Amino acid sequence: MQKTDPLTLLDILKLSKERHSSRQIAELTGCSKTTACDVLNKAEALGIDFEKAAEMGGNSLFSMIYPPRKAKPIDEAVIKKHEELCRDLRLNRKILWEQYIKENPEGVKYGQFCKIIKQLGGNKQPKLQYLRETQASKLG
């Protein structure tokens, strides 16, 4: 759902109360028909009509229609695979994910796995560190 500003949310509910269609609401507020429908459906599910929304105020309505997302905990198995990646420079993310998914069939998808690996520092830093250590040992 594309987020709409608090005043537009109130306008959507007001126009719905005035019996405008979703298409008309979209045209009058400048949002898409889908956004208008999503807001109306969400408000209905929450038991919020225009009067209730007007009493609450736009910001309270906004936080109810668009509640903040909760951060997902990082899968410990992904962290373990990241540590393997740091130790063994021949491994790449695809190989690690394939191993990870065999061990954790209900685990995260490849894209999410890569995102977590990147957040953990990816595999570039260990390679650079390895190269520096190798060059230092050759010089020393």
C-alpha atoms as a PDB file:
ATOM      1  CA  MET A   1       0.000   0.000   0.000  1.00  0.00           C
ATOM      2  CA  GLN A   2       1.404   3.370  -0.977  1.00  0.00           C
ATOM      3  CA  LYS A   3       1.410   5.677   2.029  1.00  0.00           C
ATOM      4  CA  THR A   4      -0.876   8.684   1.855  1.00  0.00           C
ATOM      5  CA  ASP A   5      -0.525  11.798   4.025  1.00  0.00           C
ATOM      6  CA  PRO A   6      -2.849  12.175   7.059  1.00  0.00           C
ATOM      7  CA  LEU A   7      -5.075  14.861   5.480  1.00  0.00           C
ATOM      8  CA  THR A   8      -5.636  12.758   2.376  1.00  0.00           C
ATOM      9  CA  LEU A   9      -6.639   9.817   4.579  1.00  0.00           C
ATOM     10  CA  LEU A  10      -9.319  11.993   6.162  1.00  0.00           C
ATOM     11  CA  ASP A  11     -10.416  13.212   2.723  1.00  0.00           C
ATOM     12  CA  ILE A  12     -10.742   9.620   1.487  1.00  0.00           C
ATOM     13  CA  LEU A  13     -12.991   8.712   4.420  1.00  0.00           C
ATOM     14  CA  LYS A  14     -15.039  11.927   4.045  1.00  0.00           C
ATOM     15  CA  LEU A  15     -15.611  11.360   0.331  1.00  0.00           C
ATOM     16  CA  SER A  16     -16.552   7.741   1.003  1.00  0.00           C
ATOM     17  CA  LYS A  17     -19.124   8.942   3.555  1.00  0.00           C
ATOM     18  CA  GLU A  18     -20.506  11.259   0.844  1.00  0.00           C
ATOM     19  CA  ARG A  19     -21.009   8.141  -1.306  1.00  0.00           C
ATOM     20  CA  HIS A  20     -18.309   8.835  -3.904  1.00  0.00           C
ATOM     21  CA  SER A  21     -16.950   5.810  -5.762  1.00  0.00           C
ATOM     22  CA  SER A  22     -13.359   4.655  -5.311  1.00  0.00           C
ATOM     23  CA  ARG A  23     -12.523   6.016  -8.755  1.00  0.00           C
ATOM     24  CA  GLN A  24     -14.011   9.427  -7.906  1.00  0.00           C
ATOM     25  CA  ILE A  25     -12.184   9.475  -4.562  1.00  0.00           C
ATOM     26  CA  ALA A  26      -8.916   8.722  -6.344  1.00  0.00           C
ATOM     27  CA  GLU A  27      -9.469  11.520  -8.847  1.00  0.00           C
ATOM     28  CA  LEU A  28     -10.444  14.049  -6.170  1.00  0.00           C
ATOM     29  CA  THR A  29      -7.577  13.230  -3.780  1.00  0.00           C
ATOM     30  CA  GLY A  30      -4.856  12.583  -6.347  1.00  0.00           C
ATOM     31  CA  CYS A  31      -4.111   9.069  -5.125  1.00  0.00           C
ATOM     32  CA  SER A  32      -4.607   5.841  -7.046  1.00  0.00           C
ATOM     33  CA  LYS A  33      -7.868   3.899  -6.973  1.00  0.00           C
ATOM     34  CA  THR A  34      -6.000   1.016  -5.347  1.00  0.00           C
ATOM     35  CA  THR A  35      -4.694   3.261  -2.558  1.00  0.00           C
ATOM     36  CA  ALA A  36      -8.177   4.656  -1.955  1.00  0.00           C
ATOM     37  CA  CYS A  37      -9.628   1.123  -1.765  1.00  0.00           C
ATOM     38  CA  ASP A  38      -6.810  -0.056   0.510  1.00  0.00           C
ATOM     39  CA  VAL A  39      -7.357   2.850   2.914  1.00  0.00           C
ATOM     40  CA  LEU A  40     -11.126   2.277   2.972  1.00  0.00           C
ATOM     41  CA  ASN A  41     -10.706  -1.467   3.540  1.00  0.00           C
ATOM     42  CA  LYS A  42      -8.147  -0.941   6.296  1.00  0.00           C
ATOM     43  CA  ALA A  43     -10.340   1.702   8.009  1.00  0.00           C
ATOM     44  CA  GLU A  44     -13.354  -0.595   7.806  1.00  0.00           C
ATOM     45  CA  ALA A  45     -11.366  -3.484   9.292  1.00  0.00           C
ATOM     46  CA  LEU A  46     -10.296  -1.202  12.143  1.00  0.00           C
ATOM     47  CA  GLY A  47     -13.876   0.035  12.654  1.00  0.00           C
ATOM     48  CA  ILE A  48     -12.988   3.620  11.756  1.00  0.00           C
ATOM     49  CA  ASP A  49     -15.437   5.862   9.917  1.00  0.00           C
ATOM     50  CA  PHE A  50     -15.025   9.531   9.010  1.00  0.00           C
ATOM     51  CA  GLU A  51     -16.463  10.866  12.290  1.00  0.00           C
ATOM     52  CA  LYS A  52     -14.189   8.678  14.385  1.00  0.00           C
ATOM     53  CA  ALA A  53     -11.191   9.562  12.193  1.00  0.00           C
ATOM     54  CA  ALA A  54     -11.940  13.298  12.490  1.00  0.00           C
ATOM     55  CA  GLU A  55     -12.034  12.991  16.293  1.00  0.00           C
ATOM     56  CA  MET A  56      -8.752  11.070  16.315  1.00  0.00           C
ATOM     57  CA  GLY A  57      -6.929  13.491  14.069  1.00  0.00           C
ATOM     58  CA  GLY A  58      -4.911  12.770  10.950  1.00  0.00           C
ATOM     59  CA  ASN A  59      -1.704  11.647  12.641  1.00  0.00           C
ATOM     60  CA  SER A  60      -3.432   9.087  14.864  1.00  0.00           C
ATOM     61  CA  LEU A  61      -5.339   7.796  11.861  1.00  0.00           C
ATOM     62  CA  PHE A  62      -2.109   7.598   9.873  1.00  0.00           C
ATOM     63  CA  SER A  63      -0.399   5.487  12.555  1.00  0.00           C
ATOM     64  CA  MET A  64      -3.373   3.095  12.642  1.00  0.00           C
ATOM     65  CA  ILE A  65      -3.651   2.740   8.864  1.00  0.00           C
ATOM     66  CA  TYR A  66       0.133   2.435   8.466  1.00  0.00           C
ATOM     67  CA  PRO A  67       1.462   0.823  11.662  1.00  0.00           C
ATOM     68  CA  PRO A  68       5.264   0.721  11.946  1.00  0.00           C
ATOM     69  CA  ARG A  69       6.855  -2.519  10.790  1.00  0.00           C
ATOM     70  CA  LYS A  70       8.552  -4.685  13.343  1.00  0.00           C
ATOM     71  CA  ALA A  71      12.146  -5.631  12.598  1.00  0.00           C
ATOM     72  CA  LYS A  72      12.608  -9.332  11.970  1.00  0.00           C
ATOM     73  CA  PRO A  73      15.259 -11.056  14.038  1.00  0.00           C
ATOM     74  CA  ILE A  74      18.273 -12.172  12.037  1.00  0.00           C
ATOM     75  CA  ASP A  75      18.341 -15.912  11.466  1.00  0.00           C
ATOM     76  CA  GLU A  76      21.253 -17.390  13.445  1.00  0.00           C
ATOM     77  CA  ALA A  77      21.886 -19.882  10.631  1.00  0.00           C
ATOM     78  CA  VAL A  78      22.547 -16.974   8.243  1.00  0.00           C
ATOM     79  CA  ILE A  79      25.074 -15.534  10.698  1.00  0.00           C
ATOM     80  CA  LYS A  80      26.783 -18.938  10.831  1.00  0.00           C
ATOM     81  CA  LYS A  81      26.979 -19.035   7.031  1.00  0.00           C
ATOM     82  CA  HIS A  82      28.436 -15.507   7.033  1.00  0.00           C
ATOM     83  CA  GLU A  83      31.169 -16.677   9.383  1.00  0.00           C
ATOM     84  CA  GLU A  84      31.902 -19.572   6.999  1.00  0.00           C
ATOM     85  CA  LEU A  85      32.095 -17.085   4.143  1.00  0.00           C
ATOM     86  CA  CYS A  86      34.610 -15.038   6.086  1.00  0.00           C
ATOM     87  CA  ARG A  87      36.764 -18.107   6.780  1.00  0.00           C
ATOM     88  CA  ASP A  88      36.680 -19.765   3.370  1.00  0.00           C
ATOM     89  CA  LEU A  89      37.321 -17.327   0.527  1.00  0.00           C
ATOM     90  CA  ARG A  90      36.371 -19.868  -2.138  1.00  0.00           C
ATOM     91  CA  LEU A  91      32.726 -19.786  -1.043  1.00  0.00           C
ATOM     92  CA  ASN A  92      30.323 -17.334  -2.585  1.00  0.00           C
ATOM     93  CA  ARG A  93      26.855 -16.286  -1.450  1.00  0.00           C
ATOM     94  CA  LYS A  94      25.047 -18.629  -3.820  1.00  0.00           C
ATOM     95  CA  ILE A  95      26.964 -21.681  -2.588  1.00  0.00           C
ATOM     96  CA  LEU A  96      26.433 -20.629   1.021  1.00  0.00           C
ATOM     97  CA  TRP A  97      22.718 -20.097   0.492  1.00  0.00           C
ATOM     98  CA  GLU A  98      22.374 -23.509  -1.167  1.00  0.00           C
ATOM     99  CA  GLN A  99      24.062 -25.102   1.871  1.00  0.00           C
ATOM    100  CA  TYR A 100      21.949 -22.997   4.220  1.00  0.00           C
ATOM    101  CA  ILE A 101      18.647 -23.924   2.549  1.00  0.00           C
ATOM    102  CA  LYS A 102      19.526 -27.643   2.653  1.00  0.00           C
ATOM    103  CA  GLU A 103      20.073 -27.329   6.395  1.00  0.00           C
ATOM    104  CA  ASN A 104      17.116 -24.947   6.903  1.00  0.00           C
ATOM    105  CA  PRO A 105      14.366 -25.787   4.347  1.00  0.00           C
ATOM    106  CA  GLU A 106      12.028 -23.178   5.852  1.00  0.00           C
ATOM    107  CA  GLY A 107      14.798 -20.533   5.882  1.00  0.00           C
ATOM    108  CA  VAL A 108      14.933 -17.169   4.163  1.00  0.00           C
ATOM    109  CA  LYS A 109      14.914 -16.802   0.377  1.00  0.00           C
ATOM    110  CA  TYR A 110      18.130 -16.052  -1.520  1.00  0.00           C
ATOM    111  CA  GLY A 111      17.512 -12.305  -1.833  1.00  0.00           C
ATOM    112  CA  GLN A 112      16.858 -11.920   1.888  1.00  0.00           C
ATOM    113  CA  PHE A 113      19.913 -14.099   2.622  1.00  0.00           C
ATOM    114  CA  CYS A 114      22.112 -11.777   0.519  1.00  0.00           C
ATOM    115  CA  LYS A 115      20.626  -8.711   2.197  1.00  0.00           C
ATOM    116  CA  ILE A 116      21.480 -10.111   5.639  1.00  0.00           C
ATOM    117  CA  ILE A 117      24.988 -11.099   4.524  1.00  0.00           C
ATOM    118  CA  LYS A 118      25.483  -7.549   3.226  1.00  0.00           C
ATOM    119  CA  GLN A 119      24.273  -6.117   6.566  1.00  0.00           C
ATOM    120  CA  LEU A 120      26.742  -8.387   8.351  1.00  0.00           C
ATOM    121  CA  GLY A 121      29.600  -7.066   6.261  1.00  0.00           C
ATOM    122  CA  GLY A 122      29.370  -9.129   3.088  1.00  0.00           C
ATOM    123  CA  ASN A 123      32.364 -11.099   1.914  1.00  0.00           C
ATOM    124  CA  LYS A 124      34.509  -8.254   0.580  1.00  0.00           C
ATOM    125  CA  GLN A 125      36.174  -7.270   3.828  1.00  0.00           C
ATOM    126  CA  PRO A 126      37.522 -10.756   4.668  1.00  0.00           C
ATOM    127  CA  LYS A 127      39.020 -11.036   1.172  1.00  0.00           C
ATOM    128  CA  LEU A 128      40.748  -7.674   1.563  1.00  0.00           C
ATOM    129  CA  GLN A 129      41.995  -8.668   4.993  1.00  0.00           C
ATOM    130  CA  TYR A 130      43.301 -11.983   3.599  1.00  0.00           C
ATOM    131  CA  LEU A 131      45.102 -10.187   0.776  1.00  0.00           C
ATOM    132  CA  ARG A 132      46.727  -7.760   3.211  1.00  0.00           C
ATOM    133  CA  GLU A 133      47.859 -10.618   5.480  1.00  0.00           C
ATOM    134  CA  THR A 134      49.236 -12.552   2.485  1.00  0.00           C
ATOM    135  CA  GLN A 135      51.139  -9.531   1.190  1.00  0.00           C
ATOM    136  CA  ALA A 136      52.481  -8.782   4.677  1.00  0.00           C
ATOM    137  CA  SER A 137      53.702 -12.359   5.119  1.00  0.00           C
ATOM    138  CA  LYS A 138      55.486 -12.216   1.725  1.00  0.00           C
ATOM    139  CA  LEU A 139      57.187  -8.953   2.680  1.00  0.00           C
ATOM    140  CA  GLY A 140      58.093 -10.063   6.212  1.00  0.00           C
END
